[in-house]
N, C-alpha and C. Protein backbone atom coordinates (compact mmCIF):
# COMPACT_ATOMS: atom_id res chain seq x y z
N MET A 1 16.00 38.37 -60.01
CA MET A 1 17.45 39.00 -60.13
C MET A 1 17.33 39.95 -59.01
N ILE A 2 16.56 41.13 -59.54
CA ILE A 2 16.78 42.26 -58.33
C ILE A 2 16.98 41.88 -56.95
N ALA A 3 16.35 40.98 -55.85
CA ALA A 3 16.80 40.60 -54.78
C ALA A 3 18.15 39.89 -54.33
N GLN A 4 18.67 39.19 -55.66
CA GLN A 4 20.42 38.89 -55.80
C GLN A 4 21.41 40.03 -55.72
N ARG A 5 20.94 41.25 -56.66
CA ARG A 5 21.29 42.48 -56.50
C ARG A 5 21.58 42.95 -55.24
N ALA A 6 20.52 42.93 -54.66
CA ALA A 6 20.34 43.95 -53.36
C ALA A 6 21.15 42.76 -52.20
N LEU A 7 21.21 41.66 -52.48
CA LEU A 7 22.11 40.97 -51.57
C LEU A 7 23.65 41.04 -51.57
N ASP A 8 24.11 41.66 -52.92
CA ASP A 8 25.43 42.05 -53.13
C ASP A 8 26.03 43.28 -52.52
N HIS A 9 25.26 43.96 -52.15
CA HIS A 9 25.49 45.16 -51.64
C HIS A 9 26.33 45.36 -50.48
N GLU A 10 27.31 45.94 -50.48
CA GLU A 10 28.63 45.92 -49.30
C GLU A 10 27.97 46.23 -48.05
N LEU A 11 26.66 46.49 -47.41
CA LEU A 11 26.34 46.62 -46.48
C LEU A 11 25.34 44.95 -45.74
N VAL A 12 24.88 43.98 -47.00
CA VAL A 12 24.44 43.06 -46.30
C VAL A 12 25.25 42.12 -46.47
N PRO A 13 25.27 41.04 -45.39
CA PRO A 13 26.47 40.45 -45.01
C PRO A 13 26.30 39.22 -45.83
N LYS A 14 27.76 38.53 -45.40
CA LYS A 14 27.48 37.46 -46.91
C LYS A 14 27.05 35.98 -45.46
N ALA A 15 25.94 35.21 -46.27
CA ALA A 15 25.64 33.95 -45.50
C ALA A 15 25.13 32.86 -46.73
N GLU A 16 25.11 31.89 -45.62
CA GLU A 16 25.25 30.67 -45.98
C GLU A 16 24.52 29.57 -45.48
N LEU A 17 23.58 28.82 -46.12
CA LEU A 17 23.12 27.50 -44.99
C LEU A 17 23.92 26.38 -44.80
N VAL A 18 23.55 26.01 -43.61
CA VAL A 18 24.92 25.20 -42.86
C VAL A 18 24.07 23.76 -43.29
N PRO A 19 24.94 22.98 -43.80
CA PRO A 19 24.26 21.19 -44.14
C PRO A 19 23.92 20.52 -42.64
N MET A 20 23.00 19.63 -42.48
CA MET A 20 22.65 19.78 -41.47
C MET A 20 23.86 18.80 -40.81
N ASP A 21 24.05 17.92 -41.26
CA ASP A 21 25.65 17.21 -40.09
C ASP A 21 26.32 18.25 -39.74
N GLU A 22 26.95 18.84 -40.46
CA GLU A 22 27.59 20.24 -39.55
C GLU A 22 27.06 21.06 -38.88
N ALA A 23 25.63 21.60 -38.84
CA ALA A 23 24.92 22.12 -38.20
C ALA A 23 25.08 21.31 -36.55
N LYS A 24 24.61 19.91 -36.98
CA LYS A 24 24.70 19.32 -35.48
C LYS A 24 25.91 19.12 -34.63
N ALA A 25 27.10 19.24 -35.74
CA ALA A 25 28.32 19.23 -35.22
C ALA A 25 28.97 20.63 -34.55
N ILE A 26 28.14 21.71 -34.85
CA ILE A 26 28.30 23.22 -34.11
C ILE A 26 27.62 23.32 -33.26
N LEU A 27 26.75 22.48 -32.87
CA LEU A 27 25.60 22.85 -31.86
C LEU A 27 26.79 21.57 -30.73
N LYS A 28 26.76 20.73 -31.29
CA LYS A 28 27.35 20.12 -29.99
C LYS A 28 28.60 20.84 -29.70
N LYS A 29 29.49 21.38 -30.51
CA LYS A 29 30.83 22.06 -30.08
C LYS A 29 30.07 23.25 -29.24
N LEU A 30 29.51 24.23 -29.66
CA LEU A 30 29.08 25.34 -28.52
C LEU A 30 28.01 24.65 -27.61
N ASN A 31 27.79 23.44 -27.26
CA ASN A 31 26.98 22.92 -26.12
C ASN A 31 25.81 23.52 -26.01
N VAL A 32 24.90 23.68 -26.97
CA VAL A 32 23.65 24.80 -27.01
C VAL A 32 22.77 23.84 -27.79
N ALA A 33 21.40 23.83 -27.48
CA ALA A 33 20.44 23.28 -28.61
C ALA A 33 19.73 24.44 -29.86
N PRO A 34 19.31 24.13 -30.64
CA PRO A 34 18.78 24.67 -31.90
C PRO A 34 18.24 25.82 -31.71
N TRP A 35 17.27 25.56 -30.25
CA TRP A 35 16.55 27.31 -29.92
C TRP A 35 17.22 28.00 -28.87
N GLN A 36 18.45 27.59 -28.95
CA GLN A 36 19.51 28.47 -27.99
C GLN A 36 19.96 29.52 -29.07
N LEU A 37 20.10 29.13 -30.02
CA LEU A 37 20.55 29.73 -31.41
C LEU A 37 19.76 31.37 -31.60
N PRO A 38 20.52 32.30 -31.65
CA PRO A 38 19.67 33.85 -32.04
C PRO A 38 18.73 33.36 -33.19
N TRP A 39 17.40 33.92 -33.33
CA TRP A 39 16.88 33.63 -34.41
C TRP A 39 16.68 34.54 -35.31
N ILE A 40 16.24 33.99 -36.43
CA ILE A 40 16.31 34.49 -38.05
C ILE A 40 15.02 34.37 -38.54
N ARG A 41 13.83 35.56 -38.91
CA ARG A 41 12.84 34.72 -39.23
C ARG A 41 13.08 34.38 -40.78
N ALA A 42 11.80 33.41 -41.11
CA ALA A 42 11.96 32.89 -42.20
C ALA A 42 11.47 33.99 -43.59
N GLN A 43 10.87 35.01 -43.54
CA GLN A 43 10.09 36.33 -44.20
C GLN A 43 11.25 37.24 -44.17
N ASP A 44 13.16 36.95 -43.50
CA ASP A 44 13.79 37.82 -43.65
C ASP A 44 14.28 37.82 -45.27
N PRO A 45 14.60 38.54 -45.69
CA PRO A 45 14.74 38.64 -47.25
C PRO A 45 16.29 38.07 -47.76
N LEU A 46 17.15 37.90 -46.74
CA LEU A 46 18.14 37.29 -47.22
C LEU A 46 17.86 35.70 -46.73
N ILE A 47 16.88 35.10 -45.80
CA ILE A 47 16.89 34.06 -45.58
C ILE A 47 16.18 33.43 -46.98
N LYS A 48 15.25 34.46 -47.46
CA LYS A 48 14.33 34.04 -48.57
C LYS A 48 14.90 33.80 -49.66
N ALA A 49 16.03 34.71 -50.19
CA ALA A 49 17.19 34.38 -50.91
C ALA A 49 18.18 33.09 -51.08
N LEU A 50 18.29 32.51 -49.76
CA LEU A 50 18.75 31.38 -49.53
C LEU A 50 18.23 30.38 -49.70
N GLY A 51 16.74 30.66 -49.78
CA GLY A 51 15.90 29.61 -49.81
C GLY A 51 15.81 28.61 -48.70
N ALA A 52 16.38 29.24 -46.88
CA ALA A 52 16.08 28.34 -45.98
C ALA A 52 14.76 28.21 -45.49
N LYS A 53 14.36 26.81 -44.90
CA LYS A 53 13.43 26.99 -44.46
C LYS A 53 13.27 26.74 -42.81
N PRO A 54 12.07 26.98 -41.75
CA PRO A 54 12.47 26.80 -40.37
C PRO A 54 13.21 25.59 -39.89
N GLY A 55 13.77 25.71 -39.34
CA GLY A 55 15.10 24.69 -38.39
C GLY A 55 15.98 24.51 -39.16
N SER A 56 16.51 25.50 -40.31
CA SER A 56 17.83 25.31 -40.83
C SER A 56 18.72 26.07 -40.00
N VAL A 57 19.81 25.89 -40.05
CA VAL A 57 20.81 27.03 -39.67
C VAL A 57 21.55 27.70 -40.45
N VAL A 58 21.64 28.91 -40.46
CA VAL A 58 22.78 29.67 -41.48
C VAL A 58 23.86 30.37 -40.55
N ARG A 59 24.96 30.38 -41.44
CA ARG A 59 26.02 30.89 -41.18
C ARG A 59 26.24 32.44 -42.04
N ILE A 60 26.49 33.03 -40.81
CA ILE A 60 26.22 35.00 -41.16
C ILE A 60 27.82 34.92 -41.06
N TYR A 61 28.67 35.69 -42.17
CA TYR A 61 30.10 36.26 -41.93
C TYR A 61 29.67 37.91 -41.65
N ARG A 62 30.13 38.76 -40.92
CA ARG A 62 29.87 39.74 -40.60
C ARG A 62 31.49 40.59 -40.68
N LYS A 63 31.65 41.82 -40.79
CA LYS A 63 33.10 42.32 -40.82
C LYS A 63 33.10 43.15 -39.87
N SER A 64 34.43 43.08 -38.82
CA SER A 64 34.49 43.80 -37.98
C SER A 64 35.93 45.06 -37.72
N PRO A 65 35.59 46.15 -37.36
CA PRO A 65 36.45 46.78 -37.51
C PRO A 65 38.06 46.50 -36.62
N THR A 66 37.61 45.60 -35.41
CA THR A 66 38.38 45.09 -34.52
C THR A 66 39.08 43.58 -34.60
N ALA A 67 37.90 42.79 -35.05
CA ALA A 67 38.20 41.63 -35.28
C ALA A 67 38.52 40.61 -36.44
N GLY A 68 38.27 41.83 -37.56
CA GLY A 68 38.21 41.27 -39.01
C GLY A 68 36.80 40.51 -39.43
N GLU A 69 36.46 39.57 -39.29
CA GLU A 69 35.55 38.98 -39.85
C GLU A 69 35.16 37.85 -38.77
N ILE A 70 33.96 38.10 -38.41
CA ILE A 70 33.04 37.17 -37.35
C ILE A 70 32.18 36.61 -38.13
N ILE A 71 32.06 34.95 -37.52
CA ILE A 71 30.99 34.31 -37.86
C ILE A 71 30.02 33.97 -36.83
N PHE A 72 28.58 34.09 -37.09
CA PHE A 72 27.25 34.46 -36.52
C PHE A 72 26.58 33.31 -36.79
N TYR A 73 25.60 32.43 -36.19
CA TYR A 73 25.21 31.32 -36.62
C TYR A 73 23.57 31.95 -36.12
N ARG A 74 22.61 31.51 -36.90
CA ARG A 74 21.16 31.76 -36.40
C ARG A 74 20.44 30.51 -37.28
N ILE A 75 19.41 30.19 -36.51
CA ILE A 75 17.95 29.31 -36.66
C ILE A 75 16.98 29.98 -37.00
N VAL A 76 16.42 29.39 -38.18
CA VAL A 76 15.50 30.37 -38.85
C VAL A 76 14.04 29.75 -38.49
N VAL A 77 13.56 30.57 -37.89
CA VAL A 77 11.78 30.50 -37.21
C VAL A 77 11.04 30.82 -38.20
N SER A 78 9.67 30.38 -38.16
CA SER A 78 8.39 30.98 -38.93
C SER A 78 8.41 32.15 -38.82
N GLY A 79 7.79 32.77 -39.77
CA GLY A 79 7.14 34.27 -39.09
C GLY A 79 7.95 35.21 -40.34
């Protein structure tokens, strides 16, 4: 419960797990291999709250003063 309230803070970006079939399509569109995505550790509080496992792709929405909202993709790694 406490972790969920911490994730609702305005400075914590919104994030979601990407379904595997959608992740494959995104990787193909970006022309990258999974290991070429920026990494995020499985021990990160955001990743723990999502229940993501190593190998999962996470979509993170960040607010930008110039672009509005930007989508980032991260691959979960152990550690």
